[in-house]
């Protein structure tokens, strides 16, 4: 149910993005058109508001047809992409 609030309140919101640096991926999957291996990176130059890293796989640099591979905490700088990932 909706409730009316008689005393308004404000909230501080942070909507920022921080790009990791020096991404590296070594594909160890030997099957054609499949990949798998360790993805590593360094923290962004300003990691102040980073709470996690979310890893996607997309068809291009703009994220066309992207799919979620997983996520890791802000203190983790690697992710193992499962073998046989298409």
Protein backbone atom coordinates (compact mmCIF):
# COMPACT_ATOMS: atom_id res chain seq x y z
CA UNK A 1 0.00 0.00 0.00
CA UNK A 2 1.06 3.55 -0.57
CA UNK A 3 1.58 5.79 2.42
CA UNK A 4 1.88 9.55 2.41
CA UNK A 5 4.89 10.96 4.21
CA UNK A 6 4.27 14.20 6.11
CA UNK A 7 7.93 15.16 6.63
CA UNK A 8 10.10 14.98 3.52
CA UNK A 9 13.62 13.64 3.84
CA UNK A 10 16.58 13.76 1.51
CA UNK A 11 19.06 11.05 0.63
CA UNK A 12 22.51 11.31 -0.88
CA UNK A 13 22.88 9.10 -3.95
CA UNK A 14 26.07 8.19 -5.77
CA UNK A 15 25.67 7.16 -9.37
CA UNK A 16 29.20 6.85 -10.64
CA UNK A 17 31.21 4.48 -12.73
CA UNK A 18 34.85 3.55 -12.37
CA UNK A 19 36.65 1.63 -15.06
CA UNK A 20 39.29 -0.92 -14.07
CA UNK A 21 42.74 -0.54 -15.63
CA UNK A 22 45.10 -2.94 -17.40
CA UNK A 23 42.62 -5.70 -18.18
CA UNK A 24 44.23 -8.97 -19.22
CA UNK A 25 42.64 -12.23 -20.35
CA UNK A 26 44.43 -15.44 -21.27
CA UNK A 27 42.13 -17.83 -23.13
CA UNK A 28 43.04 -21.40 -22.18
CA UNK A 29 40.02 -23.07 -23.80
CA UNK A 30 41.25 -25.01 -26.83
CA UNK A 31 37.82 -25.39 -28.45
CA UNK A 32 37.03 -23.20 -31.44
CA UNK A 33 34.47 -20.40 -30.75
CA UNK A 34 34.68 -21.00 -26.99
CA UNK A 35 36.72 -19.29 -24.32
CA UNK A 36 37.74 -19.72 -20.74
CA UNK A 37 40.53 -18.52 -18.52
CA UNK A 38 41.63 -15.96 -15.99
CA UNK A 39 40.59 -12.31 -16.36
CA UNK A 40 42.67 -9.89 -14.29
CA UNK A 41 42.67 -6.11 -13.80
CA UNK A 42 43.90 -3.29 -11.60
CA UNK A 43 41.72 -1.02 -9.51
CA UNK A 44 40.50 2.23 -11.09
CA UNK A 45 42.51 5.36 -10.36
CA UNK A 46 39.74 6.44 -7.97
CA UNK A 47 38.10 3.36 -6.40
CA UNK A 48 36.30 5.39 -3.71
CA UNK A 49 32.78 4.24 -4.54
CA UNK A 50 33.57 0.78 -5.93
CA UNK A 51 31.67 -1.90 -4.01
CA UNK A 52 31.96 -4.74 -6.53
CA UNK A 53 33.05 -5.57 -10.05
CA UNK A 54 30.42 -7.01 -12.39
CA UNK A 55 31.75 -9.02 -15.32
CA UNK A 56 29.84 -9.17 -18.60
CA UNK A 57 30.58 -10.74 -21.95
CA UNK A 58 29.39 -8.77 -24.97
CA UNK A 59 29.72 -8.99 -28.73
CA UNK A 60 31.52 -5.65 -28.96
CA UNK A 61 33.02 -2.83 -26.87
CA UNK A 62 29.55 -1.28 -26.43
CA UNK A 63 28.12 -4.39 -24.78
CA UNK A 64 25.89 -5.55 -27.61
CA UNK A 65 23.98 -8.68 -26.54
CA UNK A 66 25.88 -8.79 -23.26
CA UNK A 67 25.44 -11.56 -20.74
CA UNK A 68 26.39 -11.62 -17.07
CA UNK A 69 29.33 -13.87 -16.22
CA UNK A 70 29.56 -13.01 -12.52
CA UNK A 71 30.69 -10.51 -9.92
CA UNK A 72 33.45 -10.16 -7.32
CA UNK A 73 34.10 -7.92 -4.32
CA UNK A 74 35.94 -4.60 -4.56
CA UNK A 75 39.11 -6.16 -3.15
CA UNK A 76 39.28 -8.90 -5.81
CA UNK A 77 41.08 -8.24 -9.08
CA UNK A 78 40.54 -11.47 -10.97
CA UNK A 79 37.71 -13.60 -12.29
CA UNK A 80 37.88 -17.05 -13.83
CA UNK A 81 35.77 -17.21 -16.99
CA UNK A 82 34.43 -20.79 -17.09
CA UNK A 83 35.76 -23.05 -19.84
CA UNK A 84 33.36 -23.62 -22.76
CA UNK A 85 31.98 -20.07 -22.50
CA UNK A 86 30.49 -19.11 -25.87
